[in-house]
């Protein structure tokens, strides 16, 4: 809300956000992993479904997800793989949308 107020209700174009996510994927992956682990530890995940920007990911707080530091490290590796997978999907979807938008703009320019 503060951002929208300071920017006179202007928001960045989705391609700007997509470029930011793509160029900072490693940092986002690490931060997102930490956020998920904290949310899990605090019991904030519903343990059924977790959705980010329309991407649905299963959530599970079953007993096998609690355990030793070794098991926690394995959980982190699994989360990293899942995060990388969703970041890659997000990037591919944004690339496809950007290309489609450019194609539309070129066709519009040719008709004018």
C-alpha atoms as a PDB file:
ATOM      1  CA  UNK A   1       0.000   0.000   0.000  1.00  0.00           C
ATOM      2  CA  UNK A   2       2.833   2.387   0.854  1.00  0.00           C
ATOM      3  CA  UNK A   3       4.534   1.637  -2.465  1.00  0.00           C
ATOM      4  CA  UNK A   4       1.328   2.309  -4.412  1.00  0.00           C
ATOM      5  CA  UNK A   5       0.797   5.565  -2.501  1.00  0.00           C
ATOM      6  CA  UNK A   6       4.357   6.767  -3.124  1.00  0.00           C
ATOM      7  CA  UNK A   7       4.230   5.737  -6.776  1.00  0.00           C
ATOM      8  CA  UNK A   8       0.863   7.458  -7.392  1.00  0.00           C
ATOM      9  CA  UNK A   9      -0.827   4.074  -7.796  1.00  0.00           C
ATOM     10  CA  UNK A  10       1.556   3.051 -10.581  1.00  0.00           C
ATOM     11  CA  UNK A  11       2.842  -0.512 -10.575  1.00  0.00           C
ATOM     12  CA  UNK A  12       5.750  -2.013 -12.524  1.00  0.00           C
ATOM     13  CA  UNK A  13       5.014  -3.969 -15.682  1.00  0.00           C
ATOM     14  CA  UNK A  14       5.079  -7.753 -15.196  1.00  0.00           C
ATOM     15  CA  UNK A  15       8.130  -8.009 -17.463  1.00  0.00           C
ATOM     16  CA  UNK A  16      10.060  -5.751 -15.073  1.00  0.00           C
ATOM     17  CA  UNK A  17       9.235  -8.068 -12.191  1.00  0.00           C
ATOM     18  CA  UNK A  18      10.028 -11.139 -14.298  1.00  0.00           C
ATOM     19  CA  UNK A  19      13.422  -9.702 -15.239  1.00  0.00           C
ATOM     20  CA  UNK A  20      14.150  -8.987 -11.575  1.00  0.00           C
ATOM     21  CA  UNK A  21      13.217 -12.543 -10.564  1.00  0.00           C
ATOM     22  CA  UNK A  22      15.305 -14.005 -13.389  1.00  0.00           C
ATOM     23  CA  UNK A  23      18.371 -11.923 -12.618  1.00  0.00           C
ATOM     24  CA  UNK A  24      18.216 -12.628  -8.859  1.00  0.00           C
ATOM     25  CA  UNK A  25      17.110 -16.280  -8.944  1.00  0.00           C
ATOM     26  CA  UNK A  26      19.889 -17.523  -6.633  1.00  0.00           C
ATOM     27  CA  UNK A  27      19.174 -14.903  -3.969  1.00  0.00           C
ATOM     28  CA  UNK A  28      15.416 -15.465  -4.232  1.00  0.00           C
ATOM     29  CA  UNK A  29      15.876 -19.215  -3.946  1.00  0.00           C
ATOM     30  CA  UNK A  30      17.905 -18.859  -0.734  1.00  0.00           C
ATOM     31  CA  UNK A  31      15.496 -16.317   0.777  1.00  0.00           C
ATOM     32  CA  UNK A  32      12.420 -18.325  -0.211  1.00  0.00           C
ATOM     33  CA  UNK A  33      13.910 -21.460   1.339  1.00  0.00           C
ATOM     34  CA  UNK A  34      14.449 -19.596   4.611  1.00  0.00           C
ATOM     35  CA  UNK A  35      10.915 -18.181   4.540  1.00  0.00           C
ATOM     36  CA  UNK A  36       9.405 -21.624   3.972  1.00  0.00           C
ATOM     37  CA  UNK A  37      11.448 -23.168   6.773  1.00  0.00           C
ATOM     38  CA  UNK A  38      10.462 -20.414   9.226  1.00  0.00           C
ATOM     39  CA  UNK A  39       6.803 -20.681   8.201  1.00  0.00           C
ATOM     40  CA  UNK A  40       6.956 -24.448   8.645  1.00  0.00           C
ATOM     41  CA  UNK A  41       8.609 -24.158  12.070  1.00  0.00           C
ATOM     42  CA  UNK A  42       5.998 -21.614  13.187  1.00  0.00           C
ATOM     43  CA  UNK A  43       3.128 -23.815  12.012  1.00  0.00           C
ATOM     44  CA  UNK A  44       2.013 -21.201   9.482  1.00  0.00           C
ATOM     45  CA  UNK A  45       1.670 -23.575   6.550  1.00  0.00           C
ATOM     46  CA  UNK A  46      -1.733 -25.183   6.152  1.00  0.00           C
ATOM     47  CA  UNK A  47      -0.141 -28.550   5.426  1.00  0.00           C
ATOM     48  CA  UNK A  48      -2.418 -29.096   2.456  1.00  0.00           C
ATOM     49  CA  UNK A  49      -1.615 -26.546  -0.226  1.00  0.00           C
ATOM     50  CA  UNK A  50       0.856 -23.710  -0.641  1.00  0.00           C
ATOM     51  CA  UNK A  51       0.389 -21.266  -3.549  1.00  0.00           C
ATOM     52  CA  UNK A  52       2.641 -18.483  -4.768  1.00  0.00           C
ATOM     53  CA  UNK A  53       1.719 -16.341  -7.746  1.00  0.00           C
ATOM     54  CA  UNK A  54      -0.679 -19.035  -8.913  1.00  0.00           C
ATOM     55  CA  UNK A  55       1.869 -21.850  -8.532  1.00  0.00           C
ATOM     56  CA  UNK A  56       0.453 -24.529  -6.265  1.00  0.00           C
ATOM     57  CA  UNK A  57       2.842 -26.638  -4.223  1.00  0.00           C
ATOM     58  CA  UNK A  58       1.906 -29.437  -1.842  1.00  0.00           C
ATOM     59  CA  UNK A  59       2.621 -28.855   1.821  1.00  0.00           C
ATOM     60  CA  UNK A  60       3.162 -31.618   4.359  1.00  0.00           C
ATOM     61  CA  UNK A  61       3.751 -31.387   8.120  1.00  0.00           C
ATOM     62  CA  UNK A  62       3.657 -35.138   8.622  1.00  0.00           C
ATOM     63  CA  UNK A  63       5.900 -36.731  11.243  1.00  0.00           C
ATOM     64  CA  UNK A  64       8.482 -37.787   8.645  1.00  0.00           C
ATOM     65  CA  UNK A  65       9.169 -34.074   8.000  1.00  0.00           C
ATOM     66  CA  UNK A  66      10.308 -33.532  11.601  1.00  0.00           C
ATOM     67  CA  UNK A  67      13.593 -34.932  12.854  1.00  0.00           C
ATOM     68  CA  UNK A  68      17.359 -34.613  13.150  1.00  0.00           C
ATOM     69  CA  UNK A  69      19.720 -32.023  11.660  1.00  0.00           C
ATOM     70  CA  UNK A  70      20.650 -34.550   8.992  1.00  0.00           C
ATOM     71  CA  UNK A  71      16.974 -34.914   8.082  1.00  0.00           C
ATOM     72  CA  UNK A  72      16.590 -31.127   8.145  1.00  0.00           C
ATOM     73  CA  UNK A  73      19.448 -30.821   5.649  1.00  0.00           C
ATOM     74  CA  UNK A  74      17.727 -33.347   3.375  1.00  0.00           C
ATOM     75  CA  UNK A  75      14.506 -31.360   3.722  1.00  0.00           C
ATOM     76  CA  UNK A  76      16.423 -28.227   2.702  1.00  0.00           C
ATOM     77  CA  UNK A  77      17.804 -29.989  -0.379  1.00  0.00           C
ATOM     78  CA  UNK A  78      14.281 -31.078  -1.345  1.00  0.00           C
ATOM     79  CA  UNK A  79      12.964 -27.550  -0.823  1.00  0.00           C
ATOM     80  CA  UNK A  80      15.794 -26.114  -2.923  1.00  0.00           C
ATOM     81  CA  UNK A  81      14.959 -28.491  -5.778  1.00  0.00           C
ATOM     82  CA  UNK A  82      11.262 -27.574  -5.531  1.00  0.00           C
ATOM     83  CA  UNK A  83      12.033 -23.845  -5.415  1.00  0.00           C
ATOM     84  CA  UNK A  84      14.390 -24.114  -8.420  1.00  0.00           C
ATOM     85  CA  UNK A  85      11.723 -26.029 -10.309  1.00  0.00           C
ATOM     86  CA  UNK A  86       9.068 -23.365  -9.656  1.00  0.00           C
ATOM     87  CA  UNK A  87      11.439 -20.475 -10.400  1.00  0.00           C
ATOM     88  CA  UNK A  88      12.331 -22.154 -13.702  1.00  0.00           C
ATOM     89  CA  UNK A  89       8.639 -22.635 -14.547  1.00  0.00           C
ATOM     90  CA  UNK A  90       7.963 -19.006 -13.621  1.00  0.00           C
ATOM     91  CA  UNK A  91      10.832 -17.805 -15.828  1.00  0.00           C
ATOM     92  CA  UNK A  92       9.729 -19.962 -18.779  1.00  0.00           C
ATOM     93  CA  UNK A  93       6.132 -18.756 -18.462  1.00  0.00           C
ATOM     94  CA  UNK A  94       7.281 -15.118 -18.310  1.00  0.00           C
ATOM     95  CA  UNK A  95       9.540 -15.601 -21.333  1.00  0.00           C
ATOM     96  CA  UNK A  96       6.648 -17.081 -23.314  1.00  0.00           C
ATOM     97  CA  UNK A  97       4.335 -14.229 -22.288  1.00  0.00           C
ATOM     98  CA  UNK A  98       6.979 -11.640 -23.153  1.00  0.00           C
ATOM     99  CA  UNK A  99       7.562 -13.171 -26.595  1.00  0.00           C
ATOM    100  CA  UNK A 100       3.813 -13.325 -27.239  1.00  0.00           C
ATOM    101  CA  UNK A 101       3.470  -9.693 -26.194  1.00  0.00           C
ATOM    102  CA  UNK A 102       6.309  -8.657 -28.511  1.00  0.00           C
ATOM    103  CA  UNK A 103       4.712 -10.567 -31.384  1.00  0.00           C
ATOM    104  CA  UNK A 104       1.401  -8.769 -30.746  1.00  0.00           C
ATOM    105  CA  UNK A 105       3.168  -5.394 -30.676  1.00  0.00           C
ATOM    106  CA  UNK A 106       4.945  -6.136 -33.966  1.00  0.00           C
ATOM    107  CA  UNK A 107       1.668  -7.201 -35.615  1.00  0.00           C
ATOM    108  CA  UNK A 108      -0.046  -4.028 -34.339  1.00  0.00           C
ATOM    109  CA  UNK A 109       2.794  -1.877 -35.645  1.00  0.00           C
ATOM    110  CA  UNK A 110       2.553  -3.503 -39.076  1.00  0.00           C
ATOM    111  CA  UNK A 111      -1.187  -2.849 -39.276  1.00  0.00           C
ATOM    112  CA  UNK A 112      -0.756   0.831 -38.401  1.00  0.00           C
END
